[in-house]
PDB file of N, CA and C in Angstrom:
ATOM      1  N   UNK A   1     -43.100  31.044 -55.793  1.00  0.00           N
ATOM      2  CA  UNK A   1     -42.641  32.020 -56.757  1.00  0.00           C
ATOM      3  C   UNK A   1     -41.216  31.696 -57.205  1.00  0.00           C
ATOM      4  N   UNK A   2     -40.359  31.314 -56.259  1.00  0.00           N
ATOM      5  CA  UNK A   2     -38.982  31.015 -56.639  1.00  0.00           C
ATOM      6  C   UNK A   2     -38.925  29.767 -57.518  1.00  0.00           C
ATOM      7  N   UNK A   3     -39.871  28.846 -57.319  1.00  0.00           N
ATOM      8  CA  UNK A   3     -39.920  27.664 -58.179  1.00  0.00           C
ATOM      9  C   UNK A   3     -40.291  28.023 -59.607  1.00  0.00           C
ATOM     10  N   UNK A   4     -41.184  28.992 -59.753  1.00  0.00           N
ATOM     11  CA  UNK A   4     -41.586  29.456 -61.073  1.00  0.00           C
ATOM     12  C   UNK A   4     -40.427  30.158 -61.767  1.00  0.00           C
ATOM     13  N   UNK A   5     -39.687  30.960 -61.014  1.00  0.00           N
ATOM     14  CA  UNK A   5     -38.534  31.663 -61.569  1.00  0.00           C
ATOM     15  C   UNK A   5     -37.444  30.661 -61.958  1.00  0.00           C
ATOM     16  N   UNK A   6     -37.272  29.636 -61.162  1.00  0.00           N
ATOM     17  CA  UNK A   6     -36.276  28.613 -61.477  1.00  0.00           C
ATOM     18  C   UNK A   6     -36.681  27.832 -62.724  1.00  0.00           C
ATOM     19  N   UNK A   7     -37.987  27.673 -62.930  1.00  0.00           N
ATOM     20  CA  UNK A   7     -38.459  26.937 -64.101  1.00  0.00           C
ATOM     21  C   UNK A   7     -38.171  27.716 -65.384  1.00  0.00           C
ATOM     22  N   UNK A   8     -38.466  29.005 -65.361  1.00  0.00           N
ATOM     23  CA  UNK A   8     -38.242  29.812 -66.560  1.00  0.00           C
ATOM     24  C   UNK A   8     -36.809  30.326 -66.642  1.00  0.00           C
ATOM     25  N   UNK A   9     -36.159  30.524 -65.529  1.00  0.00           N
ATOM     26  CA  UNK A   9     -34.798  31.033 -65.514  1.00  0.00           C
ATOM     27  C   UNK A   9     -34.767  32.539 -65.701  1.00  0.00           C
ATOM     28  N   UNK A  10     -33.607  33.116 -65.462  1.00  0.00           N
ATOM     29  CA  UNK A  10     -33.448  34.555 -65.632  1.00  0.00           C
ATOM     30  C   UNK A  10     -33.398  34.871 -67.115  1.00  0.00           C
ATOM     31  N   UNK A  11     -34.066  35.956 -67.541  1.00  0.00           N
ATOM     32  CA  UNK A  11     -34.059  36.274 -68.975  1.00  0.00           C
ATOM     33  C   UNK A  11     -32.651  36.569 -69.475  1.00  0.00           C
ATOM     34  N   UNK A  12     -32.360  36.075 -70.639  1.00  0.00           N
ATOM     35  CA  UNK A  12     -31.044  36.271 -71.238  1.00  0.00           C
ATOM     36  C   UNK A  12     -30.933  37.615 -71.927  1.00  0.00           C
ATOM     37  N   UNK A  13     -29.844  37.808 -72.650  1.00  0.00           N
ATOM     38  CA  UNK A  13     -29.580  39.076 -73.312  1.00  0.00           C
ATOM     39  C   UNK A  13     -30.623  39.375 -74.390  1.00  0.00           C
ATOM     40  N   UNK A  14     -30.989  38.374 -75.141  1.00  0.00           N
ATOM     41  CA  UNK A  14     -31.953  38.589 -76.221  1.00  0.00           C
ATOM     42  C   UNK A  14     -33.326  38.973 -75.667  1.00  0.00           C
ATOM     43  N   UNK A  15     -33.750  38.319 -74.595  1.00  0.00           N
ATOM     44  CA  UNK A  15     -35.042  38.645 -73.988  1.00  0.00           C
ATOM     45  C   UNK A  15     -35.035  40.055 -73.400  1.00  0.00           C
ATOM     46  N   UNK A  16     -33.939  40.439 -72.758  1.00  0.00           N
ATOM     47  CA  UNK A  16     -33.831  41.790 -72.210  1.00  0.00           C
ATOM     48  C   UNK A  16     -33.830  42.837 -73.317  1.00  0.00           C
ATOM     49  N   UNK A  17     -33.232  42.508 -74.451  1.00  0.00           N
ATOM     50  CA  UNK A  17     -33.233  43.406 -75.594  1.00  0.00           C
ATOM     51  C   UNK A  17     -34.647  43.593 -76.132  1.00  0.00           C
ATOM     52  N   UNK A  18     -35.419  42.537 -76.187  1.00  0.00           N
ATOM     53  CA  UNK A  18     -36.804  42.621 -76.636  1.00  0.00           C
ATOM     54  C   UNK A  18     -37.633  43.464 -75.671  1.00  0.00           C
ATOM     55  N   UNK A  19     -37.449  43.261 -74.377  1.00  0.00           N
ATOM     56  CA  UNK A  19     -38.175  44.041 -73.372  1.00  0.00           C
ATOM     57  C   UNK A  19     -37.803  45.518 -73.493  1.00  0.00           C
ATOM     58  N   UNK A  20     -36.526  45.823 -73.668  1.00  0.00           N
ATOM     59  CA  UNK A  20     -36.082  47.209 -73.818  1.00  0.00           C
ATOM     60  C   UNK A  20     -36.690  47.837 -75.073  1.00  0.00           C
ATOM     61  N   UNK A  21     -36.789  47.087 -76.144  1.00  0.00           N
ATOM     62  CA  UNK A  21     -37.381  47.584 -77.384  1.00  0.00           C
ATOM     63  C   UNK A  21     -38.865  47.885 -77.202  1.00  0.00           C
ATOM     64  N   UNK A  22     -39.584  47.016 -76.508  1.00  0.00           N
ATOM     65  CA  UNK A  22     -41.008  47.243 -76.252  1.00  0.00           C
ATOM     66  C   UNK A  22     -41.209  48.474 -75.370  1.00  0.00           C
ATOM     67  N   UNK A  23     -40.376  48.624 -74.343  1.00  0.00           N
ATOM     68  CA  UNK A  23     -40.460  49.801 -73.472  1.00  0.00           C
ATOM     69  C   UNK A  23     -40.172  51.064 -74.281  1.00  0.00           C
ATOM     70  N   UNK A  24     -39.200  51.010 -75.173  1.00  0.00           N
ATOM     71  CA  UNK A  24     -38.877  52.147 -76.023  1.00  0.00           C
ATOM     72  C   UNK A  24     -40.047  52.503 -76.931  1.00  0.00           C
ATOM     73  N   UNK A  25     -40.727  51.512 -77.464  1.00  0.00           N
ATOM     74  CA  UNK A  25     -41.890  51.778 -78.307  1.00  0.00           C
ATOM     75  C   UNK A  25     -43.031  52.408 -77.516  1.00  0.00           C
ATOM     76  N   UNK A  26     -43.240  51.935 -76.299  1.00  0.00           N
ATOM     77  CA  UNK A  26     -44.350  52.429 -75.494  1.00  0.00           C
ATOM     78  C   UNK A  26     -44.092  53.827 -74.933  1.00  0.00           C
ATOM     79  N   UNK A  27     -42.876  54.084 -74.469  1.00  0.00           N
ATOM     80  CA  UNK A  27     -42.571  55.327 -73.771  1.00  0.00           C
ATOM     81  C   UNK A  27     -41.567  56.200 -74.517  1.00  0.00           C
ATOM     82  N   UNK A  28     -41.335  55.952 -75.779  1.00  0.00           N
ATOM     83  CA  UNK A  28     -40.320  56.672 -76.549  1.00  0.00           C
ATOM     84  C   UNK A  28     -40.540  58.162 -76.643  1.00  0.00           C
ATOM     85  N   UNK A  29     -41.795  58.586 -76.754  1.00  0.00           N
ATOM     86  CA  UNK A  29     -42.051  60.018 -76.902  1.00  0.00           C
ATOM     87  C   UNK A  29     -41.846  60.775 -75.597  1.00  0.00           C
ATOM     88  N   UNK A  30     -41.825  60.108 -74.466  1.00  0.00           N
ATOM     89  CA  UNK A  30     -41.628  60.762 -73.172  1.00  0.00           C
ATOM     90  C   UNK A  30     -40.166  60.753 -72.730  1.00  0.00           C
ATOM     91  N   UNK A  31     -39.348  59.945 -73.344  1.00  0.00           N
ATOM     92  CA  UNK A  31     -37.959  59.798 -72.898  1.00  0.00           C
ATOM     93  C   UNK A  31     -37.142  61.087 -72.966  1.00  0.00           C
ATOM     94  N   UNK A  32     -37.241  61.910 -74.001  1.00  0.00           N
ATOM     95  CA  UNK A  32     -36.437  63.141 -74.007  1.00  0.00           C
ATOM     96  C   UNK A  32     -36.757  64.061 -72.826  1.00  0.00           C
ATOM     97  N   UNK A  33     -38.017  64.184 -72.489  1.00  0.00           N
ATOM     98  CA  UNK A  33     -38.393  65.016 -71.344  1.00  0.00           C
ATOM     99  C   UNK A  33     -37.893  64.451 -70.033  1.00  0.00           C
ATOM    100  N   UNK A  34     -37.950  63.145 -69.899  1.00  0.00           N
ATOM    101  CA  UNK A  34     -37.470  62.498 -68.675  1.00  0.00           C
ATOM    102  C   UNK A  34     -35.959  62.674 -68.543  1.00  0.00           C
ATOM    103  N   UNK A  35     -35.245  62.490 -69.631  1.00  0.00           N
ATOM    104  CA  UNK A  35     -33.786  62.642 -69.592  1.00  0.00           C
ATOM    105  C   UNK A  35     -33.393  64.099 -69.319  1.00  0.00           C
ATOM    106  N   UNK A  36     -34.145  65.044 -69.882  1.00  0.00           N
ATOM    107  CA  UNK A  36     -33.876  66.456 -69.635  1.00  0.00           C
ATOM    108  C   UNK A  36     -34.063  66.784 -68.153  1.00  0.00           C
ATOM    109  N   UNK A  37     -35.142  66.288 -67.584  1.00  0.00           N
ATOM    110  CA  UNK A  37     -35.400  66.521 -66.160  1.00  0.00           C
ATOM    111  C   UNK A  37     -34.329  65.873 -65.295  1.00  0.00           C
ATOM    112  N   UNK A  38     -33.912  64.683 -65.673  1.00  0.00           N
ATOM    113  CA  UNK A  38     -32.866  63.995 -64.933  1.00  0.00           C
ATOM    114  C   UNK A  38     -31.553  64.771 -65.000  1.00  0.00           C
ATOM    115  N   UNK A  39     -31.220  65.298 -66.170  1.00  0.00           N
ATOM    116  CA  UNK A  39     -30.002  66.089 -66.326  1.00  0.00           C
ATOM    117  C   UNK A  39     -30.034  67.358 -65.489  1.00  0.00           C
ATOM    118  N   UNK A  40     -31.188  68.035 -65.468  1.00  0.00           N
ATOM    119  CA  UNK A  40     -31.313  69.244 -64.652  1.00  0.00           C
ATOM    120  C   UNK A  40     -31.175  68.909 -63.176  1.00  0.00           C
ATOM    121  N   UNK A  41     -31.716  67.782 -62.775  1.00  0.00           N
ATOM    122  CA  UNK A  41     -31.605  67.365 -61.383  1.00  0.00           C
ATOM    123  C   UNK A  41     -30.166  67.090 -60.981  1.00  0.00           C
ATOM    124  N   UNK A  42     -29.409  66.458 -61.867  1.00  0.00           N
ATOM    125  CA  UNK A  42     -28.009  66.164 -61.583  1.00  0.00           C
ATOM    126  C   UNK A  42     -27.203  67.459 -61.475  1.00  0.00           C
ATOM    127  N   UNK A  43     -27.457  68.397 -62.390  1.00  0.00           N
ATOM    128  CA  UNK A  43     -26.748  69.677 -62.359  1.00  0.00           C
ATOM    129  C   UNK A  43     -27.090  70.427 -61.076  1.00  0.00           C
ATOM    130  N   UNK A  44     -28.347  70.422 -60.700  1.00  0.00           N
ATOM    131  CA  UNK A  44     -28.776  71.093 -59.472  1.00  0.00           C
ATOM    132  C   UNK A  44     -28.142  70.439 -58.239  1.00  0.00           C
ATOM    133  N   UNK A  45     -28.052  69.124 -58.260  1.00  0.00           N
ATOM    134  CA  UNK A  45     -27.439  68.400 -57.146  1.00  0.00           C
ATOM    135  C   UNK A  45     -25.962  68.748 -57.019  1.00  0.00           C
ATOM    136  N   UNK A  46     -25.254  68.761 -58.137  1.00  0.00           N
ATOM    137  CA  UNK A  46     -23.829  69.105 -58.108  1.00  0.00           C
ATOM    138  C   UNK A  46     -23.620  70.537 -57.647  1.00  0.00           C
ATOM    139  N   UNK A  47     -24.492  71.439 -58.091  1.00  0.00           N
ATOM    140  CA  UNK A  47     -24.380  72.837 -57.652  1.00  0.00           C
ATOM    141  C   UNK A  47     -24.629  72.933 -56.150  1.00  0.00           C
ATOM    142  N   UNK A  48     -25.535  72.135 -55.644  1.00  0.00           N
ATOM    143  CA  UNK A  48     -25.806  72.126 -54.214  1.00  0.00           C
ATOM    144  C   UNK A  48     -24.626  71.594 -53.414  1.00  0.00           C
ATOM    145  N   UNK A  49     -23.913  70.640 -53.968  1.00  0.00           N
ATOM    146  CA  UNK A  49     -22.736  70.114 -53.284  1.00  0.00           C
ATOM    147  C   UNK A  49     -21.636  71.162 -53.180  1.00  0.00           C
ATOM    148  N   UNK A  50     -21.527  72.003 -54.184  1.00  0.00           N
ATOM    149  CA  UNK A  50     -20.495  73.027 -54.188  1.00  0.00           C
ATOM    150  C   UNK A  50     -20.932  74.285 -53.442  1.00  0.00           C
ATOM    151  N   UNK A  51     -22.175  74.336 -53.020  1.00  0.00           N
ATOM    152  CA  UNK A  51     -22.664  75.475 -52.246  1.00  0.00           C
ATOM    153  C   UNK A  51     -23.095  76.649 -53.088  1.00  0.00           C
ATOM    154  N   UNK A  52     -23.276  76.453 -54.377  1.00  0.00           N
ATOM    155  CA  UNK A  52     -23.733  77.535 -55.235  1.00  0.00           C
ATOM    156  C   UNK A  52     -25.228  77.698 -55.065  1.00  0.00           C
ATOM    157  N   UNK A  53     -25.687  78.954 -55.119  1.00  0.00           N
ATOM    158  CA  UNK A  53     -27.107  79.226 -54.973  1.00  0.00           C
ATOM    159  C   UNK A  53     -27.726  79.491 -56.330  1.00  0.00           C
ATOM    160  N   UNK A  54     -29.009  79.209 -56.453  1.00  0.00           N
ATOM    161  CA  UNK A  54     -29.741  79.493 -57.673  1.00  0.00           C
ATOM    162  C   UNK A  54     -30.050  80.976 -57.768  1.00  0.00           C
ATOM    163  N   UNK A  55     -30.411  81.410 -58.960  1.00  0.00           N
ATOM    164  CA  UNK A  55     -30.854  82.779 -59.150  1.00  0.00           C
ATOM    165  C   UNK A  55     -32.157  83.015 -58.412  1.00  0.00           C
ATOM    166  N   UNK A  56     -32.960  81.975 -58.270  1.00  0.00           N
ATOM    167  CA  UNK A  56     -34.230  82.101 -57.566  1.00  0.00           C
ATOM    168  C   UNK A  56     -33.994  82.447 -56.100  1.00  0.00           C
ATOM    169  N   UNK A  57     -32.946  81.888 -55.496  1.00  0.00           N
ATOM    170  CA  UNK A  57     -32.637  82.191 -54.109  1.00  0.00           C
ATOM    171  C   UNK A  57     -32.211  83.644 -53.958  1.00  0.00           C
ATOM    172  N   UNK A  58     -31.509  84.187 -54.966  1.00  0.00           N
ATOM    173  CA  UNK A  58     -31.080  85.574 -54.917  1.00  0.00           C
ATOM    174  C   UNK A  58     -32.269  86.521 -54.972  1.00  0.00           C
ATOM    175  N   UNK A  59     -33.324  86.135 -55.653  1.00  0.00           N
ATOM    176  CA  UNK A  59     -34.515  86.979 -55.760  1.00  0.00           C
ATOM    177  C   UNK A  59     -35.194  87.131 -54.405  1.00  0.00           C
ATOM    178  N   UNK A  60     -35.056  86.156 -53.530  1.00  0.00           N
ATOM    179  CA  UNK A  60     -35.653  86.245 -52.205  1.00  0.00           C
ATOM    180  C   UNK A  60     -34.942  87.280 -51.340  1.00  0.00           C
ATOM    181  N   UNK A  61     -33.697  87.601 -51.651  1.00  0.00           N
ATOM    182  CA  UNK A  61     -32.914  88.507 -50.832  1.00  0.00           C
ATOM    183  C   UNK A  61     -33.086  89.970 -51.221  1.00  0.00           C
ATOM    184  N   UNK A  62     -33.864  90.254 -52.267  1.00  0.00           N
ATOM    185  CA  UNK A  62     -34.094  91.630 -52.693  1.00  0.00           C
ATOM    186  C   UNK A  62     -34.951  92.312 -51.635  1.00  0.00           C
ATOM    187  N   UNK A  63     -34.504  93.474 -51.139  1.00  0.00           N
ATOM    188  CA  UNK A  63     -35.279  94.136 -50.085  1.00  0.00           C
ATOM    189  C   UNK A  63     -36.635  94.590 -50.613  1.00  0.00           C
ATOM    190  N   UNK A  64     -37.638  94.409 -49.797  1.00  0.00           N
ATOM    191  CA  UNK A  64     -38.992  94.796 -50.153  1.00  0.00           C
ATOM    192  C   UNK A  64     -39.229  96.236 -49.732  1.00  0.00           C
ATOM    193  N   UNK A  65     -40.093  96.932 -50.470  1.00  0.00           N
ATOM    194  CA  UNK A  65     -40.452  98.290 -50.094  1.00  0.00           C
ATOM    195  C   UNK A  65     -41.292  98.235 -48.829  1.00  0.00           C
ATOM    196  N   UNK A  66     -41.034  99.160 -47.938  1.00  0.00           N
ATOM    197  CA  UNK A  66     -41.790  99.170 -46.698  1.00  0.00           C
ATOM    198  C   UNK A  66     -43.135  99.860 -46.925  1.00  0.00           C
ATOM    199  N   UNK A  67     -44.116  99.424 -46.193  1.00  0.00           N
ATOM    200  CA  UNK A  67     -45.454  99.982 -46.344  1.00  0.00           C
ATOM    201  C   UNK A  67     -45.562 101.315 -45.616  1.00  0.00           C
ATOM    202  N   UNK A  68     -46.656 102.019 -45.836  1.00  0.00           N
ATOM    203  CA  UNK A  68     -46.869 103.323 -45.189  1.00  0.00           C
ATOM    204  C   UNK A  68     -46.925 103.185 -43.671  1.00  0.00           C
ATOM    205  N   UNK A  69     -47.542 102.109 -43.198  1.00  0.00           N
ATOM    206  CA  UNK A  69     -47.653 101.904 -41.756  1.00  0.00           C
ATOM    207  C   UNK A  69     -46.271 101.732 -41.129  1.00  0.00           C
ATOM    208  N   UNK A  70     -45.395 100.986 -41.807  1.00  0.00           N
ATOM    209  CA  UNK A  70     -44.046 100.778 -41.293  1.00  0.00           C
ATOM    210  C   UNK A  70     -43.267 102.094 -41.280  1.00  0.00           C
ATOM    211  N   UNK A  71     -43.459 102.930 -42.328  1.00  0.00           N
ATOM    212  CA  UNK A  71     -42.780 104.221 -42.382  1.00  0.00           C
ATOM    213  C   UNK A  71     -43.268 105.123 -41.258  1.00  0.00           C
ATOM    214  N   UNK A  72     -44.580 105.121 -41.032  1.00  0.00           N
ATOM    215  CA  UNK A  72     -45.144 105.941 -39.957  1.00  0.00           C
ATOM    216  C   UNK A  72     -44.635 105.470 -38.597  1.00  0.00           C
ATOM    217  N   UNK A  73     -44.530 104.160 -38.445  1.00  0.00           N
ATOM    218  CA  UNK A  73     -44.052 103.608 -37.180  1.00  0.00           C
ATOM    219  C   UNK A  73     -42.595 104.012 -36.925  1.00  0.00           C
ATOM    220  N   UNK A  74     -41.798 103.973 -37.993  1.00  0.00           N
ATOM    221  CA  UNK A  74     -40.385 104.332 -37.849  1.00  0.00           C
ATOM    222  C   UNK A  74     -40.247 105.828 -37.561  1.00  0.00           C
ATOM    223  N   UNK A  75     -41.022 106.676 -38.244  1.00  0.00           N
ATOM    224  CA  UNK A  75     -40.923 108.107 -38.031  1.00  0.00           C
ATOM    225  C   UNK A  75     -41.476 108.528 -36.664  1.00  0.00           C
ATOM    226  N   UNK A  76     -42.431 107.769 -36.114  1.00  0.00           N
ATOM    227  CA  UNK A  76     -42.988 108.087 -34.811  1.00  0.00           C
ATOM    228  C   UNK A  76     -41.988 107.822 -33.696  1.00  0.00           C
ATOM    229  N   UNK A  77     -41.088 106.906 -33.908  1.00  0.00           N
ATOM    230  CA  UNK A  77     -40.094 106.560 -32.887  1.00  0.00           C
ATOM    231  C   UNK A  77     -39.055 107.587 -32.893  1.00  0.00           C
TER     232      UNK A  77
END
């Protein structure tokens, strides 16, 4: 394999530009969504480093209403 790579050599700037153009043509319609997801991930990562919590985490801390059985148990004690 290394002999084959040595025969053709590493692709130059023009070849890499052609490959990038072909990839852009094939996956161009998906790139905005991928970049958006990547940006959200970076923001979430930075927020995690600073110790900030998401709004979703705050929703877990909302006290739940107790059921009738729990109320009866508390009143019986």
